[in-house]
Structure formats: structure tokens, C-alpha cells
Amino acid sequence: PKTEQQIQQGLRLLMQGRTTLVIAHRLATVQEADIIYFIQDGRVVESGSHQALMTKDGAYARLYSLELQPANEMAEASTDDVDD
């Protein structure tokens, strides 16, 4: 994640004031985009900002939640270890 954060910061600087097309598998990469097009089976099934797509609770929100699960599970496991 530290390397990813550095890359994201560099991209933010490069994209300022420009129209940029980003294709990503990790949704965190596009989370700050003005508009996200969520493509499934070759078709745009949802579009909007990250917040709008999360509010819709559709395919984007479900995938985003799944993407966060491993991180959440690791955080819970480390908290459990501290409590013991």
C-alpha cells in the first residue's frame, strides 16, 4: 500500500487540469475520479462518482465492499490478537 499511495499521489499531480482515462481493476485507483464508468460483461452498467455509486448499492458497491474484505478481516484479526 505505501507504493500504491506514492503512485496515486503522482497520478493525482499528473492528472490535475486534464481529462484522463484510467482503466483499473482495483477500485481504490479510481475512487477520486469525477465520474466512474463501471463495465460488466462489456457494457456500462453504472456510472457516477464513487459516493453516488456507493449510495446506489449496486454492482460497483458490492465489488468495492468485496475488495475491502481482506483488509477488514486482517484488521479484525490483529485487533483480536491484541485483546487476548
PDB file of N, CA and C in Angstrom:
ATOM      1  N   PRO A   1       0.788  -1.221   0.000  1.00  0.00           N
ATOM      2  CA  PRO A   1       0.000   0.000   0.000  1.00  0.00           C
ATOM      3  C   PRO A   1       0.830   1.287   0.000  1.00  0.00           C
ATOM      4  N   LYS A   2       2.045   1.283   0.590  1.00  0.00           N
ATOM      5  CA  LYS A   2       2.849   2.507   0.565  1.00  0.00           C
ATOM      6  C   LYS A   2       3.229   2.858  -0.867  1.00  0.00           C
ATOM      7  N   THR A   3       3.646   1.858  -1.636  1.00  0.00           N
ATOM      8  CA  THR A   3       3.998   2.092  -3.039  1.00  0.00           C
ATOM      9  C   THR A   3       2.773   2.557  -3.810  1.00  0.00           C
ATOM     10  N   GLU A   4       1.635   1.922  -3.555  1.00  0.00           N
ATOM     11  CA  GLU A   4       0.394   2.311  -4.235  1.00  0.00           C
ATOM     12  C   GLU A   4       0.034   3.756  -3.903  1.00  0.00           C
ATOM     13  N   GLN A   5       0.210   4.160  -2.664  1.00  0.00           N
ATOM     14  CA  GLN A   5      -0.075   5.543  -2.262  1.00  0.00           C
ATOM     15  C   GLN A   5       0.831   6.523  -3.002  1.00  0.00           C
ATOM     16  N   GLN A   6       2.095   6.160  -3.163  1.00  0.00           N
ATOM     17  CA  GLN A   6       3.031   7.028  -3.878  1.00  0.00           C
ATOM     18  C   GLN A   6       2.634   7.150  -5.348  1.00  0.00           C
ATOM     19  N   ILE A   7       2.226   6.044  -5.935  1.00  0.00           N
ATOM     20  CA  ILE A   7       1.785   6.063  -7.333  1.00  0.00           C
ATOM     21  C   ILE A   7       0.534   6.919  -7.473  1.00  0.00           C
ATOM     22  N   GLN A   8      -0.428   6.738  -6.568  1.00  0.00           N
ATOM     23  CA  GLN A   8      -1.667   7.522  -6.611  1.00  0.00           C
ATOM     24  C   GLN A   8      -1.373   9.018  -6.488  1.00  0.00           C
ATOM     25  N   GLN A   9      -0.470   9.367  -5.601  1.00  0.00           N
ATOM     26  CA  GLN A   9      -0.114  10.772  -5.416  1.00  0.00           C
ATOM     27  C   GLN A   9       0.506  11.338  -6.699  1.00  0.00           C
ATOM     28  N   GLY A  10       1.389  10.580  -7.323  1.00  0.00           N
ATOM     29  CA  GLY A  10       1.997  11.011  -8.579  1.00  0.00           C
ATOM     30  C   GLY A  10       0.971  11.169  -9.685  1.00  0.00           C
ATOM     31  N   LEU A  11       0.047  10.230  -9.766  1.00  0.00           N
ATOM     32  CA  LEU A  11      -1.009  10.313 -10.779  1.00  0.00           C
ATOM     33  C   LEU A  11      -1.896  11.532 -10.557  1.00  0.00           C
ATOM     34  N   ARG A  12      -2.237  11.803  -9.307  1.00  0.00           N
ATOM     35  CA  ARG A  12      -3.066  12.977  -8.999  1.00  0.00           C
ATOM     36  C   ARG A  12      -2.410  14.256  -9.522  1.00  0.00           C
ATOM     37  N   LEU A  13      -1.113  14.366  -9.315  1.00  0.00           N
ATOM     38  CA  LEU A  13      -0.396  15.552  -9.793  1.00  0.00           C
ATOM     39  C   LEU A  13      -0.410  15.630 -11.316  1.00  0.00           C
ATOM     40  N   LEU A  14      -0.184  14.506 -11.975  1.00  0.00           N
ATOM     41  CA  LEU A  14      -0.165  14.479 -13.440  1.00  0.00           C
ATOM     42  C   LEU A  14      -1.532  14.762 -14.051  1.00  0.00           C
ATOM     43  N   MET A  15      -2.604  14.365 -13.359  1.00  0.00           N
ATOM     44  CA  MET A  15      -3.949  14.478 -13.919  1.00  0.00           C
ATOM     45  C   MET A  15      -4.605  15.828 -13.651  1.00  0.00           C
ATOM     46  N   GLN A  16      -4.025  16.645 -12.791  1.00  0.00           N
ATOM     47  CA  GLN A  16      -4.630  17.937 -12.461  1.00  0.00           C
ATOM     48  C   GLN A  16      -4.852  18.772 -13.711  1.00  0.00           C
ATOM     49  N   GLY A  17      -6.082  19.236 -13.886  1.00  0.00           N
ATOM     50  CA  GLY A  17      -6.411  20.101 -15.005  1.00  0.00           C
ATOM     51  C   GLY A  17      -6.469  19.402 -16.347  1.00  0.00           C
ATOM     52  N   ARG A  18      -6.487  18.081 -16.345  1.00  0.00           N
ATOM     53  CA  ARG A  18      -6.502  17.319 -17.598  1.00  0.00           C
ATOM     54  C   ARG A  18      -7.648  16.316 -17.594  1.00  0.00           C
ATOM     55  N   THR A  19      -8.129  16.012 -18.770  1.00  0.00           N
ATOM     56  CA  THR A  19      -9.064  14.904 -18.922  1.00  0.00           C
ATOM     57  C   THR A  19      -8.228  13.642 -19.013  1.00  0.00           C
ATOM     58  N   THR A  20      -8.511  12.684 -18.147  1.00  0.00           N
ATOM     59  CA  THR A  20      -7.701  11.472 -18.064  1.00  0.00           C
ATOM     60  C   THR A  20      -8.601  10.252 -18.058  1.00  0.00           C
ATOM     61  N   LEU A  21      -8.245   9.264 -18.834  1.00  0.00           N
ATOM     62  CA  LEU A  21      -8.960   7.992 -18.851  1.00  0.00           C
ATOM     63  C   LEU A  21      -8.106   6.975 -18.108  1.00  0.00           C
ATOM     64  N   VAL A  22      -8.668   6.399 -17.062  1.00  0.00           N
ATOM     65  CA  VAL A  22      -7.963   5.409 -16.253  1.00  0.00           C
ATOM     66  C   VAL A  22      -8.752   4.112 -16.303  1.00  0.00           C
ATOM     67  N   ILE A  23      -8.093   3.032 -16.658  1.00  0.00           N
ATOM     68  CA  ILE A  23      -8.711   1.707 -16.636  1.00  0.00           C
ATOM     69  C   ILE A  23      -8.047   0.950 -15.497  1.00  0.00           C
ATOM     70  N   ALA A  24      -8.871   0.438 -14.573  1.00  0.00           N
ATOM     71  CA  ALA A  24      -8.296  -0.173 -13.380  1.00  0.00           C
ATOM     72  C   ALA A  24      -9.107  -1.381 -12.931  1.00  0.00           C
ATOM     73  N   HIS A  25      -8.418  -2.311 -12.322  1.00  0.00           N
ATOM     74  CA  HIS A  25      -9.080  -3.453 -11.698  1.00  0.00           C
ATOM     75  C   HIS A  25      -9.322  -3.172 -10.220  1.00  0.00           C
ATOM     76  N   ARG A  26      -8.428  -2.409  -9.607  1.00  0.00           N
ATOM     77  CA  ARG A  26      -8.600  -2.051  -8.193  1.00  0.00           C
ATOM     78  C   ARG A  26      -9.403  -0.759  -8.124  1.00  0.00           C
ATOM     79  N   LEU A  27     -10.560  -0.841  -7.482  1.00  0.00           N
ATOM     80  CA  LEU A  27     -11.451   0.313  -7.448  1.00  0.00           C
ATOM     81  C   LEU A  27     -10.875   1.485  -6.661  1.00  0.00           C
ATOM     82  N   ALA A  28      -9.980   1.221  -5.732  1.00  0.00           N
ATOM     83  CA  ALA A  28      -9.348   2.307  -4.989  1.00  0.00           C
ATOM     84  C   ALA A  28      -8.593   3.247  -5.934  1.00  0.00           C
ATOM     85  N   THR A  29      -8.156   2.723  -7.061  1.00  0.00           N
ATOM     86  CA  THR A  29      -7.417   3.516  -8.041  1.00  0.00           C
ATOM     87  C   THR A  29      -8.279   4.625  -8.636  1.00  0.00           C
ATOM     88  N   VAL A  30      -9.573   4.393  -8.785  1.00  0.00           N
ATOM     89  CA  VAL A  30     -10.455   5.364  -9.436  1.00  0.00           C
ATOM     90  C   VAL A  30     -11.400   6.061  -8.463  1.00  0.00           C
ATOM     91  N   GLN A  31     -11.244   5.790  -7.208  1.00  0.00           N
ATOM     92  CA  GLN A  31     -12.152   6.295  -6.178  1.00  0.00           C
ATOM     93  C   GLN A  31     -12.312   7.816  -6.210  1.00  0.00           C
ATOM     94  N   GLU A  32     -11.270   8.547  -6.552  1.00  0.00           N
ATOM     95  CA  GLU A  32     -11.330  10.013  -6.546  1.00  0.00           C
ATOM     96  C   GLU A  32     -11.717  10.610  -7.901  1.00  0.00           C
ATOM     97  N   ALA A  33     -12.046   9.776  -8.871  1.00  0.00           N
ATOM     98  CA  ALA A  33     -12.399  10.268 -10.204  1.00  0.00           C
ATOM     99  C   ALA A  33     -13.700  11.074 -10.157  1.00  0.00           C
ATOM    100  N   ASP A  34     -13.826  12.038 -11.064  1.00  0.00           N
ATOM    101  CA  ASP A  34     -15.064  12.817 -11.154  1.00  0.00           C
ATOM    102  C   ASP A  34     -16.229  11.926 -11.559  1.00  0.00           C
ATOM    103  N   ILE A  35     -15.975  11.019 -12.498  1.00  0.00           N
ATOM    104  CA  ILE A  35     -17.016  10.086 -12.938  1.00  0.00           C
ATOM    105  C   ILE A  35     -16.380   8.723 -13.193  1.00  0.00           C
ATOM    106  N   ILE A  36     -17.064   7.701 -12.742  1.00  0.00           N
ATOM    107  CA  ILE A  36     -16.607   6.320 -12.890  1.00  0.00           C
ATOM    108  C   ILE A  36     -17.618   5.597 -13.765  1.00  0.00           C
ATOM    109  N   TYR A  37     -17.128   4.883 -14.748  1.00  0.00           N
ATOM    110  CA  TYR A  37     -17.982   4.020 -15.566  1.00  0.00           C
ATOM    111  C   TYR A  37     -17.671   2.590 -15.165  1.00  0.00           C
ATOM    112  N   PHE A  38     -18.659   1.903 -14.626  1.00  0.00           N
ATOM    113  CA  PHE A  38     -18.475   0.521 -14.181  1.00  0.00           C
ATOM    114  C   PHE A  38     -18.929  -0.394 -15.312  1.00  0.00           C
ATOM    115  N   ILE A  39     -17.991  -1.157 -15.856  1.00  0.00           N
ATOM    116  CA  ILE A  39     -18.259  -2.011 -17.012  1.00  0.00           C
ATOM    117  C   ILE A  39     -18.336  -3.461 -16.566  1.00  0.00           C
ATOM    118  N   GLN A  40     -19.399  -4.123 -16.981  1.00  0.00           N
ATOM    119  CA  GLN A  40     -19.602  -5.536 -16.655  1.00  0.00           C
ATOM    120  C   GLN A  40     -20.061  -6.240 -17.928  1.00  0.00           C
ATOM    121  N   ASP A  41     -19.398  -7.324 -18.260  1.00  0.00           N
ATOM    122  CA  ASP A  41     -19.711  -8.075 -19.483  1.00  0.00           C
ATOM    123  C   ASP A  41     -19.701  -7.176 -20.717  1.00  0.00           C
ATOM    124  N   GLY A  42     -18.744  -6.233 -20.760  1.00  0.00           N
ATOM    125  CA  GLY A  42     -18.580  -5.380 -21.926  1.00  0.00           C
ATOM    126  C   GLY A  42     -19.549  -4.218 -22.026  1.00  0.00           C
ATOM    127  N   ARG A  43     -20.370  -4.004 -21.004  1.00  0.00           N
ATOM    128  CA  ARG A  43     -21.355  -2.917 -21.037  1.00  0.00           C
ATOM    129  C   ARG A  43     -21.227  -2.035 -19.801  1.00  0.00           C
ATOM    130  N   VAL A  44     -21.473  -0.750 -20.002  1.00  0.00           N
ATOM    131  CA  VAL A  44     -21.501   0.169 -18.865  1.00  0.00           C
ATOM    132  C   VAL A  44     -22.803  -0.086 -18.115  1.00  0.00           C
ATOM    133  N   VAL A  45     -22.688  -0.563 -16.882  1.00  0.00           N
ATOM    134  CA  VAL A  45     -23.888  -0.878 -16.103  1.00  0.00           C
ATOM    135  C   VAL A  45     -24.185   0.187 -15.043  1.00  0.00           C
ATOM    136  N   GLU A  46     -23.186   0.982 -14.686  1.00  0.00           N
ATOM    137  CA  GLU A  46     -23.383   2.062 -13.720  1.00  0.00           C
ATOM    138  C   GLU A  46     -22.381   3.166 -14.010  1.00  0.00           C
ATOM    139  N   SER A  47     -22.751   4.380 -13.662  1.00  0.00           N
ATOM    140  CA  SER A  47     -21.799   5.483 -13.767  1.00  0.00           C
ATOM    141  C   SER A  47     -22.137   6.528 -12.720  1.00  0.00           C
ATOM    142  N   GLY A  48     -21.109   7.251 -12.310  1.00  0.00           N
ATOM    143  CA  GLY A  48     -21.282   8.300 -11.315  1.00  0.00           C
ATOM    144  C   GLY A  48     -20.015   8.447 -10.504  1.00  0.00           C
ATOM    145  N   SER A  49     -20.067   9.296  -9.505  1.00  0.00           N
ATOM    146  CA  SER A  49     -18.924   9.447  -8.605  1.00  0.00           C
ATOM    147  C   SER A  49     -18.863   8.230  -7.688  1.00  0.00           C
ATOM    148  N   HIS A  50     -17.754   8.074  -6.989  1.00  0.00           N
ATOM    149  CA  HIS A  50     -17.619   6.961  -6.045  1.00  0.00           C
ATOM    150  C   HIS A  50     -18.762   6.998  -5.033  1.00  0.00           C
ATOM    151  N   GLN A  51     -19.005   8.179  -4.467  1.00  0.00           N
ATOM    152  CA  GLN A  51     -20.052   8.310  -3.444  1.00  0.00           C
ATOM    153  C   GLN A  51     -21.426   7.957  -4.007  1.00  0.00           C
ATOM    154  N   ALA A  52     -21.733   8.442  -5.210  1.00  0.00           N
ATOM    155  CA  ALA A  52     -23.036   8.151  -5.823  1.00  0.00           C
ATOM    156  C   ALA A  52     -23.191   6.658  -6.088  1.00  0.00           C
ATOM    157  N   LEU A  53     -22.130   6.017  -6.569  1.00  0.00           N
ATOM    158  CA  LEU A  53     -22.196   4.583  -6.848  1.00  0.00           C
ATOM    159  C   LEU A  53     -22.321   3.771  -5.564  1.00  0.00           C
ATOM    160  N   MET A  54     -21.675   4.205  -4.501  1.00  0.00           N
ATOM    161  CA  MET A  54     -21.802   3.505  -3.221  1.00  0.00           C
ATOM    162  C   MET A  54     -23.222   3.644  -2.679  1.00  0.00           C
ATOM    163  N   THR A  55     -23.834   4.805  -2.873  1.00  0.00           N
ATOM    164  CA  THR A  55     -25.199   5.049  -2.408  1.00  0.00           C
ATOM    165  C   THR A  55     -26.203   4.180  -3.163  1.00  0.00           C
ATOM    166  N   LYS A  56     -25.953   3.944  -4.459  1.00  0.00           N
ATOM    167  CA  LYS A  56     -26.841   3.098  -5.268  1.00  0.00           C
ATOM    168  C   LYS A  56     -26.863   1.658  -4.782  1.00  0.00           C
ATOM    169  N   ASP A  57     -25.783   1.249  -4.111  1.00  0.00           N
ATOM    170  CA  ASP A  57     -25.667  -0.116  -3.588  1.00  0.00           C
ATOM    171  C   ASP A  57     -25.834  -1.161  -4.695  1.00  0.00           C
ATOM    172  N   GLY A  58     -25.231  -0.882  -5.848  1.00  0.00           N
ATOM    173  CA  GLY A  58     -25.303  -1.794  -6.984  1.00  0.00           C
ATOM    174  C   GLY A  58     -24.034  -2.616  -7.137  1.00  0.00           C
ATOM    175  N   ALA A  59     -23.708  -2.947  -8.373  1.00  0.00           N
ATOM    176  CA  ALA A  59     -22.564  -3.809  -8.680  1.00  0.00           C
ATOM    177  C   ALA A  59     -21.241  -3.184  -8.221  1.00  0.00           C
ATOM    178  N   TYR A  60     -21.071  -1.888  -8.439  1.00  0.00           N
ATOM    179  CA  TYR A  60     -19.843  -1.205  -8.015  1.00  0.00           C
ATOM    180  C   TYR A  60     -19.678  -1.304  -6.504  1.00  0.00           C
ATOM    181  N   ALA A  61     -20.723  -0.990  -5.762  1.00  0.00           N
ATOM    182  CA  ALA A  61     -20.661  -1.008  -4.294  1.00  0.00           C
ATOM    183  C   ALA A  61     -20.373  -2.411  -3.777  1.00  0.00           C
ATOM    184  N   ARG A  62     -20.984  -3.409  -4.393  1.00  0.00           N
ATOM    185  CA  ARG A  62     -20.738  -4.793  -3.959  1.00  0.00           C
ATOM    186  C   ARG A  62     -19.281  -5.182  -4.195  1.00  0.00           C
ATOM    187  N   LEU A  63     -18.747  -4.857  -5.374  1.00  0.00           N
ATOM    188  CA  LEU A  63     -17.358  -5.196  -5.674  1.00  0.00           C
ATOM    189  C   LEU A  63     -16.400  -4.412  -4.773  1.00  0.00           C
ATOM    190  N   TYR A  64     -16.697  -3.157  -4.538  1.00  0.00           N
ATOM    191  CA  TYR A  64     -15.857  -2.339  -3.663  1.00  0.00           C
ATOM    192  C   TYR A  64     -15.818  -2.948  -2.260  1.00  0.00           C
ATOM    193  N   SER A  65     -16.967  -3.370  -1.756  1.00  0.00           N
ATOM    194  CA  SER A  65     -17.031  -3.997  -0.429  1.00  0.00           C
ATOM    195  C   SER A  65     -16.243  -5.297  -0.392  1.00  0.00           C
ATOM    196  N   LEU A  66     -16.343  -6.083  -1.451  1.00  0.00           N
ATOM    197  CA  LEU A  66     -15.579  -7.331  -1.524  1.00  0.00           C
ATOM    198  C   LEU A  66     -14.082  -7.057  -1.545  1.00  0.00           C
ATOM    199  N   GLU A  67     -13.695  -6.007  -2.238  1.00  0.00           N
ATOM    200  CA  GLU A  67     -12.282  -5.647  -2.341  1.00  0.00           C
ATOM    201  C   GLU A  67     -11.717  -5.253  -0.975  1.00  0.00           C
ATOM    202  N   LEU A  68     -12.554  -4.686  -0.131  1.00  0.00           N
ATOM    203  CA  LEU A  68     -12.113  -4.259   1.195  1.00  0.00           C
ATOM    204  C   LEU A  68     -12.096  -5.393   2.209  1.00  0.00           C
ATOM    205  N   GLN A  69     -12.808  -6.477   1.947  1.00  0.00           N
ATOM    206  CA  GLN A  69     -12.930  -7.560   2.925  1.00  0.00           C
ATOM    207  C   GLN A  69     -11.602  -8.081   3.449  1.00  0.00           C
ATOM    208  N   PRO A  70     -10.646  -8.441   2.610  1.00  0.00           N
ATOM    209  CA  PRO A  70      -9.388  -8.963   3.155  1.00  0.00           C
ATOM    210  C   PRO A  70      -8.728  -7.979   4.123  1.00  0.00           C
ATOM    211  N   ALA A  71      -8.750  -6.690   3.808  1.00  0.00           N
ATOM    212  CA  ALA A  71      -8.157  -5.690   4.694  1.00  0.00           C
ATOM    213  C   ALA A  71      -8.929  -5.626   6.007  1.00  0.00           C
ATOM    214  N   ASN A  72     -10.258  -5.684   5.937  1.00  0.00           N
ATOM    215  CA  ASN A  72     -11.073  -5.645   7.146  1.00  0.00           C
ATOM    216  C   ASN A  72     -10.843  -6.877   7.999  1.00  0.00           C
ATOM    217  N   GLU A  73     -10.748  -8.042   7.357  1.00  0.00           N
ATOM    218  CA  GLU A  73     -10.526  -9.282   8.095  1.00  0.00           C
ATOM    219  C   GLU A  73      -9.170  -9.264   8.785  1.00  0.00           C
ATOM    220  N   MET A  74      -8.146  -8.725   8.119  1.00  0.00           N
ATOM    221  CA  MET A  74      -6.814  -8.643   8.717  1.00  0.00           C
ATOM    222  C   MET A  74      -6.832  -7.684   9.912  1.00  0.00           C
ATOM    223  N   ALA A  75      -7.546  -6.565   9.779  1.00  0.00           N
ATOM    224  CA  ALA A  75      -7.627  -5.598  10.871  1.00  0.00           C
ATOM    225  C   ALA A  75      -8.334  -6.215  12.075  1.00  0.00           C
ATOM    226  N   GLU A  76      -9.417  -6.960  11.818  1.00  0.00           N
ATOM    227  CA  GLU A  76     -10.139  -7.620  12.902  1.00  0.00           C
ATOM    228  C   GLU A  76      -9.262  -8.664  13.574  1.00  0.00           C
ATOM    229  N   ALA A  77      -8.516  -9.421  12.789  1.00  0.00           N
ATOM    230  CA  ALA A  77      -7.648 -10.465  13.339  1.00  0.00           C
ATOM    231  C   ALA A  77      -6.569  -9.847  14.221  1.00  0.00           C
ATOM    232  N   SER A  78      -5.977  -8.738  13.787  1.00  0.00           N
ATOM    233  CA  SER A  78      -4.930  -8.116  14.598  1.00  0.00           C
ATOM    234  C   SER A  78      -5.519  -7.501  15.860  1.00  0.00           C
ATOM    235  N   THR A  79      -6.749  -7.000  15.794  1.00  0.00           N
ATOM    236  CA  THR A  79      -7.420  -6.475  16.981  1.00  0.00           C
ATOM    237  C   THR A  79      -7.714  -7.598  17.959  1.00  0.00           C
ATOM    238  N   ASP A  80      -8.140  -8.748  17.438  1.00  0.00           N
ATOM    239  CA  ASP A  80      -8.403  -9.911  18.285  1.00  0.00           C
ATOM    240  C   ASP A  80      -7.137 -10.348  19.001  1.00  0.00           C
ATOM    241  N   ASP A  81      -6.004 -10.302  18.311  1.00  0.00           N
ATOM    242  CA  ASP A  81      -4.729 -10.696  18.911  1.00  0.00           C
ATOM    243  C   ASP A  81      -4.355  -9.767  20.065  1.00  0.00           C
ATOM    244  N   VAL A  82      -4.649  -8.480  19.913  1.00  0.00           N
ATOM    245  CA  VAL A  82      -4.320  -7.503  20.943  1.00  0.00           C
ATOM    246  C   VAL A  82      -5.200  -7.713  22.171  1.00  0.00           C
ATOM    247  N   ASP A  83      -6.470  -8.067  21.935  1.00  0.00           N
ATOM    248  CA  ASP A  83      -7.409  -8.259  23.037  1.00  0.00           C
ATOM    249  C   ASP A  83      -7.075  -9.471  23.888  1.00  0.00           C
ATOM    250  N   ASP A  84      -6.409 -10.470  23.313  1.00  0.00           N
ATOM    251  CA  ASP A  84      -6.118 -11.711  24.045  1.00  0.00           C
ATOM    252  C   ASP A  84      -5.046 -11.551  25.075  1.00  0.00           C
TER     253      ASP A  84
END
